[in-house]
Protein backbone atom coordinates (compact mmCIF):
# COMPACT_ATOMS: atom_id res chain seq x y z
CA MET A 1 102.57 -143.82 22.03
CA LYS A 2 99.57 -145.32 20.24
CA ALA A 3 97.97 -141.87 19.97
CA THR A 4 101.19 -140.49 18.46
CA LYS A 5 101.34 -143.36 15.87
CA LEU A 6 97.70 -142.77 15.05
CA LEU A 7 98.30 -139.05 14.42
CA ILE A 8 101.27 -139.88 12.24
CA LEU A 9 99.17 -142.36 10.28
CA ILE A 10 96.35 -139.80 9.83
CA ALA A 11 98.82 -137.14 8.67
CA ALA A 12 100.41 -139.58 6.20
CA VAL A 13 97.01 -140.51 4.72
CA ALA A 14 96.04 -136.82 4.47
CA LEU A 15 99.32 -136.03 2.70
CA THR A 16 98.85 -138.90 0.28
CA PHE A 17 95.31 -137.65 -0.51
CA MET A 18 96.52 -134.09 -1.09
CA VAL A 19 99.27 -135.30 -3.41
CA SER A 20 96.77 -137.45 -5.26
CA CYS A 21 94.31 -134.59 -5.70
CA LYS A 22 97.08 -132.34 -6.96
CA LYS A 23 98.11 -134.87 -9.56
CA GLU A 24 94.54 -135.09 -10.83
CA GLU A 25 94.25 -131.31 -11.22
CA LYS A 26 93.52 -130.52 -14.89
CA PRO A 27 95.69 -127.93 -16.62
CA GLU A 28 94.11 -124.51 -17.15
CA VAL A 29 92.27 -124.26 -20.45
CA ILE A 30 92.87 -120.96 -22.21
CA PRO A 31 89.80 -119.81 -24.19
CA THR A 32 90.41 -119.81 -27.93
CA LEU A 33 88.44 -118.20 -30.77
CA TYR A 34 88.15 -120.26 -33.98
CA PHE A 35 86.99 -118.38 -37.05
CA MET A 36 86.58 -118.66 -40.80
CA ASP A 37 88.32 -116.53 -43.40
CA SER A 38 86.68 -117.43 -46.69
CA SER A 39 88.66 -114.89 -48.70
CA ASP A 40 91.95 -116.47 -47.76
CA GLU A 41 90.23 -119.91 -47.71
CA ILE A 42 91.53 -120.82 -44.26
CA MET A 43 90.27 -121.51 -40.73
CA GLU A 44 92.22 -119.66 -38.06
CA LYS A 45 92.34 -119.50 -34.26
CA MET A 46 93.31 -116.93 -31.69
CA VAL A 47 94.34 -118.02 -28.17
CA LEU A 48 93.05 -115.47 -25.70
CA ASP A 49 96.16 -115.47 -23.53
CA GLY A 50 96.95 -111.82 -23.80
CA THR A 51 99.19 -112.15 -26.83
CA ASN A 52 96.14 -112.94 -29.03
CA THR A 53 98.34 -114.65 -31.58
CA VAL A 54 96.48 -115.74 -34.73
CA THR A 55 97.48 -119.06 -36.38
CA THR A 56 96.10 -121.13 -39.20
CA VAL A 57 94.16 -124.26 -38.23
CA LYS A 58 93.38 -125.56 -41.70
CA ASP A 59 93.79 -124.69 -45.37
CA LEU A 60 90.25 -124.68 -46.82
CA ALA A 61 91.06 -124.47 -50.49
CA THR A 62 88.07 -125.92 -52.42
CA MET A 63 86.05 -126.12 -49.15
CA SER A 64 85.75 -122.59 -47.92
CA GLY A 65 82.62 -121.15 -46.28
CA VAL A 66 81.50 -118.84 -43.52
CA GLY A 67 79.63 -120.88 -40.85
CA ILE A 68 81.29 -122.57 -37.86
CA ALA A 69 80.04 -124.30 -34.72
CA TYR A 70 81.50 -126.43 -31.92
CA ASP A 71 80.19 -129.47 -30.08
CA GLU A 72 81.87 -129.81 -26.73
CA GLU A 73 80.52 -133.33 -26.19
CA THR A 74 82.44 -134.74 -29.16
CA ASN A 75 85.09 -132.04 -29.25
CA LYS A 76 84.40 -131.52 -32.96
CA ILE A 77 84.34 -128.44 -35.13
CA TYR A 78 81.62 -128.13 -37.78
CA PHE A 79 81.74 -125.75 -40.71
CA SER A 80 79.97 -124.87 -43.86
CA ASP A 81 81.43 -124.78 -47.40
CA PHE A 82 80.06 -122.99 -50.44
CA TYR A 83 83.31 -122.75 -52.29
CA ASP A 84 81.59 -123.48 -55.70
CA ALA A 85 79.31 -120.42 -55.42
CA ASP A 86 75.92 -120.24 -57.19
CA THR A 87 75.74 -123.97 -57.70
CA PRO A 88 74.15 -126.52 -55.38
CA ASN A 89 77.47 -128.10 -54.46
CA GLY A 90 77.81 -126.71 -50.96
CA ARG A 91 78.70 -129.05 -48.10
CA ILE A 92 78.77 -129.35 -44.29
CA TRP A 93 81.96 -130.73 -42.73
CA ARG A 94 83.23 -131.67 -39.31
CA MET A 95 86.70 -132.40 -37.94
CA ASN A 96 88.81 -132.52 -34.78
CA LEU A 97 90.21 -129.28 -33.29
CA ASP A 98 93.60 -130.03 -34.75
CA ALA A 99 92.03 -130.36 -38.21
CA THR A 100 92.39 -134.14 -38.40
CA GLY A 101 89.58 -136.56 -39.11
CA VAL A 102 87.70 -134.40 -41.68
CA GLN A 103 84.28 -135.85 -42.64
CA GLU A 104 81.67 -134.66 -45.13
CA LEU A 105 78.25 -134.71 -43.45
CA ALA A 106 75.94 -133.20 -46.12
CA SER A 107 76.29 -132.08 -49.77
CA GLY A 108 74.26 -130.70 -52.60
CA ILE A 109 73.43 -127.47 -50.81
CA LEU A 110 73.13 -124.00 -52.44
CA ASP A 111 75.50 -121.75 -50.45
CA PRO A 112 75.21 -122.98 -46.91
CA TYR A 113 75.78 -119.99 -44.69
CA GLY A 114 75.35 -120.07 -40.86
CA ILE A 115 75.27 -123.30 -38.87
CA ALA A 116 74.29 -124.09 -35.35
CA ILE A 117 74.19 -127.10 -33.01
CA ASP A 118 71.37 -128.30 -30.83
CA HIS A 119 73.44 -130.18 -28.27
CA ASP A 120 70.38 -131.44 -26.33
CA ASN A 121 69.05 -133.32 -29.36
CA ASN A 122 72.33 -133.96 -31.13
CA LYS A 123 71.38 -132.02 -34.26
CA ILE A 124 73.12 -129.61 -36.60
CA TYR A 125 71.19 -126.94 -38.39
CA TRP A 126 72.19 -124.86 -41.47
CA ALA A 127 70.84 -121.94 -43.52
CA ASP A 128 71.14 -121.85 -47.28
CA ASP A 129 70.60 -119.55 -50.27
CA ALA A 130 67.50 -121.50 -51.41
CA GLY A 131 65.43 -120.20 -48.51
CA ASN A 132 65.94 -123.33 -46.40
CA ILE A 133 66.72 -124.10 -42.81
CA SER A 134 67.71 -127.78 -42.76
CA ARG A 135 69.01 -130.15 -40.12
CA ALA A 136 70.62 -133.58 -39.56
CA ASN A 137 72.02 -135.67 -36.79
CA LEU A 138 75.57 -134.69 -35.74
CA ASP A 139 76.96 -137.61 -37.73
CA GLY A 140 75.19 -136.46 -40.85
CA SER A 141 72.43 -139.04 -40.86
CA SER A 142 68.67 -138.35 -41.13
CA ILE A 143 68.98 -135.16 -43.14
CA GLN A 144 65.83 -133.07 -43.20
CA THR A 145 65.99 -130.44 -45.95
CA GLY A 146 63.81 -127.40 -45.69
CA ILE A 147 62.18 -127.85 -42.26
CA VAL A 148 61.63 -124.19 -42.87
CA ASN A 149 61.38 -122.75 -46.38
CA ILE A 150 60.74 -119.16 -47.22
CA ALA A 151 59.61 -118.71 -50.84
CA ASP A 152 62.13 -116.54 -52.70
CA GLY A 153 64.05 -116.37 -49.49
CA MET A 154 67.83 -116.32 -48.86
CA MET A 155 68.82 -117.60 -45.43
CA ARG A 156 71.97 -116.35 -43.79
CA ALA A 157 72.10 -117.24 -40.09
CA VAL A 158 70.62 -119.72 -37.66
CA ALA A 159 70.89 -119.95 -33.85
CA ILE A 160 69.45 -122.43 -31.32
CA ASP A 161 67.79 -121.62 -28.02
CA GLU A 162 68.04 -124.97 -26.23
CA LYS A 163 66.49 -123.59 -23.04
CA ASN A 164 63.25 -122.71 -24.78
CA ASP A 165 63.32 -125.20 -27.67
CA LYS A 166 63.40 -122.47 -30.29
CA MET A 167 65.48 -121.57 -33.28
CA TYR A 168 66.08 -118.07 -34.77
CA PHE A 169 67.12 -117.38 -38.34
CA TYR A 170 67.82 -114.56 -40.74
CA GLU A 171 66.26 -114.17 -44.20
CA VAL A 172 67.88 -111.36 -46.22
CA ASN A 173 65.78 -111.01 -49.39
CA LEU A 174 62.52 -110.07 -47.65
CA GLU A 175 64.63 -108.81 -44.71
CA ASN A 176 63.18 -110.41 -41.56
CA LEU A 177 64.45 -112.04 -38.45
CA TYR A 178 62.38 -115.13 -37.51
CA VAL A 179 61.75 -117.46 -34.65
CA ALA A 180 60.29 -121.00 -34.96
CA ASN A 181 60.08 -124.26 -33.09
CA LEU A 182 63.09 -126.62 -33.37
CA ASP A 183 61.21 -128.82 -35.83
CA GLY A 184 60.61 -125.84 -38.10
CA SER A 185 56.95 -125.38 -37.19
CA ASN A 186 55.32 -122.06 -36.59
CA PRO A 187 57.89 -119.76 -38.21
CA THR A 188 57.06 -116.25 -37.13
CA ILE A 189 58.67 -112.85 -37.90
CA LEU A 190 60.36 -111.62 -34.74
CA ILE A 191 61.77 -108.37 -36.06
CA SER A 192 60.83 -107.11 -39.51
CA GLY A 193 62.85 -104.84 -41.85
CA VAL A 194 66.25 -106.06 -40.69
CA TYR A 195 68.83 -108.27 -42.33
CA GLY A 196 72.22 -109.55 -41.37
CA TYR A 197 74.54 -112.48 -41.11
CA ALA A 198 74.94 -113.32 -37.39
CA ILE A 199 72.63 -114.33 -34.51
CA PHE A 200 73.65 -115.36 -31.01
CA ILE A 201 71.16 -116.49 -28.33
CA ASP A 202 72.20 -115.51 -24.76
CA THR A 203 70.03 -117.99 -22.85
CA GLU A 204 71.54 -116.92 -19.46
CA ASN A 205 70.24 -113.41 -19.90
CA SER A 206 67.31 -114.09 -22.25
CA LYS A 207 68.76 -111.90 -24.94
CA ILE A 208 69.32 -112.17 -28.67
CA TYR A 209 72.34 -110.48 -30.35
CA PHE A 210 72.23 -109.79 -34.08
CA ASP A 211 73.65 -107.55 -36.77
CA ASP A 212 71.52 -105.29 -38.99
CA GLN A 213 72.84 -103.99 -42.28
CA ASN A 214 69.97 -101.49 -42.68
CA THR A 215 71.14 -99.60 -39.63
CA PRO A 216 74.64 -100.97 -39.49
CA GLY A 217 75.97 -102.34 -36.25
CA LEU A 218 75.53 -104.94 -33.57
CA LYS A 219 72.17 -105.04 -31.77
CA ARG A 220 70.71 -106.66 -28.72
CA ALA A 221 67.05 -107.40 -27.87
CA ASN A 222 64.86 -109.50 -25.66
CA LEU A 223 63.99 -112.95 -26.95
CA ASP A 224 60.52 -111.71 -27.91
CA GLY A 225 62.07 -109.06 -30.18
CA SER A 226 61.35 -106.11 -27.90
CA GLY A 227 63.85 -103.66 -26.40
CA VAL A 228 66.27 -103.37 -29.34
CA VAL A 229 69.38 -101.48 -28.38
CA ASP A 230 72.64 -100.73 -30.15
CA ILE A 231 75.74 -102.55 -28.87
CA ASP A 232 78.18 -101.19 -31.46
CA ASN A 233 77.78 -98.98 -34.50
CA THR A 234 80.79 -100.04 -36.58
CA ASP A 235 79.67 -100.25 -40.17
CA THR A 236 80.64 -103.80 -41.03
CA ARG A 237 79.12 -107.14 -41.86
CA ILE A 238 79.19 -109.48 -38.80
CA TYR A 239 79.13 -113.27 -39.30
CA GLY A 240 80.18 -114.46 -35.87
CA ILE A 241 79.30 -113.64 -32.25
CA ALA A 242 80.39 -115.48 -29.08
CA ILE A 243 80.14 -115.00 -25.29
CA ASN A 244 82.45 -116.03 -22.44
CA TYR A 245 80.16 -116.09 -19.46
CA ASP A 246 83.04 -116.72 -17.06
CA LYS A 247 84.56 -113.35 -17.93
CA GLY A 248 81.37 -111.50 -18.87
CA LYS A 249 82.76 -110.72 -22.32
CA MET A 250 81.49 -111.03 -25.84
CA TYR A 251 83.41 -111.35 -29.14
CA TRP A 252 82.46 -110.60 -32.73
CA SER A 253 84.04 -110.59 -36.15
CA ALA A 254 84.04 -107.51 -38.43
CA ARG A 255 84.29 -108.76 -42.00
CA ASP A 256 84.72 -105.41 -43.71
CA MET A 257 87.15 -104.04 -41.12
CA GLY A 258 89.20 -107.19 -41.02
CA GLU A 259 89.01 -107.17 -37.19
CA ILE A 260 87.81 -109.14 -34.15
CA TYR A 261 86.51 -107.29 -31.13
CA GLU A 262 85.96 -107.93 -27.39
CA ALA A 263 83.57 -105.96 -25.12
CA ASN A 264 81.35 -106.24 -22.08
CA LEU A 265 77.90 -107.74 -22.83
CA ASN A 266 76.42 -104.26 -23.18
CA GLY A 267 79.08 -103.21 -25.65
CA THR A 268 81.20 -101.06 -23.31
CA SER A 269 84.99 -101.36 -22.90
CA LYS A 270 85.41 -102.47 -26.49
CA VAL A 271 88.88 -103.43 -27.55
CA THR A 272 90.29 -104.76 -30.87
CA LEU A 273 91.82 -108.19 -30.42
CA ALA A 274 92.97 -108.70 -34.00
CA THR A 275 93.32 -106.48 -37.02
CA GLY A 276 94.71 -106.75 -40.55
CA LEU A 277 92.64 -109.95 -41.19
CA THR A 278 91.37 -110.47 -44.75
CA SER A 279 87.76 -111.40 -44.19
CA PRO A 280 86.93 -112.85 -40.74
CA ARG A 281 83.49 -114.48 -40.81
CA GLY A 282 81.91 -117.14 -38.57
CA LEU A 283 83.38 -117.32 -35.07
CA VAL A 284 83.09 -119.69 -32.15
CA LEU A 285 84.61 -119.68 -28.62
CA ILE A 286 86.20 -122.90 -27.28
CA LYS A 287 87.22 -123.21 -23.67
């Protein structure tokens, strides 16, 4: 009898534990692409649930730019704004995913283009039209303007390699792709004679993805600049690249085509996720 009661008690405890665990299960998070459309002056998102429905996140009238980044620690979206073109009135903003809590982090910038986050050191980096790569803390404090400056340069993209403590950036006047230390020291031309608008560092596979407008299309190379291969040859400007490692898929925006694509990491099995967009620019994956 005692043994039977003990078994019943054990079963009851096990059932309670199973129910408790089930209650604590988190709902499935569906990956979502957030992207900028500076021509329509909006930020949009596409939920990758098979329907790929595109909806507006925020009206960006008077604050429209091309760069976007995401910090999963604070669950914040960061974006650049050069709405007042050709004047040093550009800004860097951050906000919640639902577009609430908008904060200005930096101002007085000449056309800030690409932005990137160094999550390990809680820094945000941005590229501008005055040949600068600059950075600040994620709350906008301790701004360091021009940790890299290329004379007569025009910066377009910046990406962070947290694994190797490096940053990569695009300069489009002299047309070179650079690598430097995170503090801006030792800037070195990685690939010469190329220019574009997007860089993505794939630290899991030690690869760099970038677009090149001299030989239009999306490229991939080793982190030392060797082994450049074509991923896609669509003639379009690309401002945003993202990777979903769980699915082994990459995504990129095609400004001139008004489309967003998905493919394997080597460019095969390419599909069009969205079309008929006005001018999709910077793009980030949130999951």
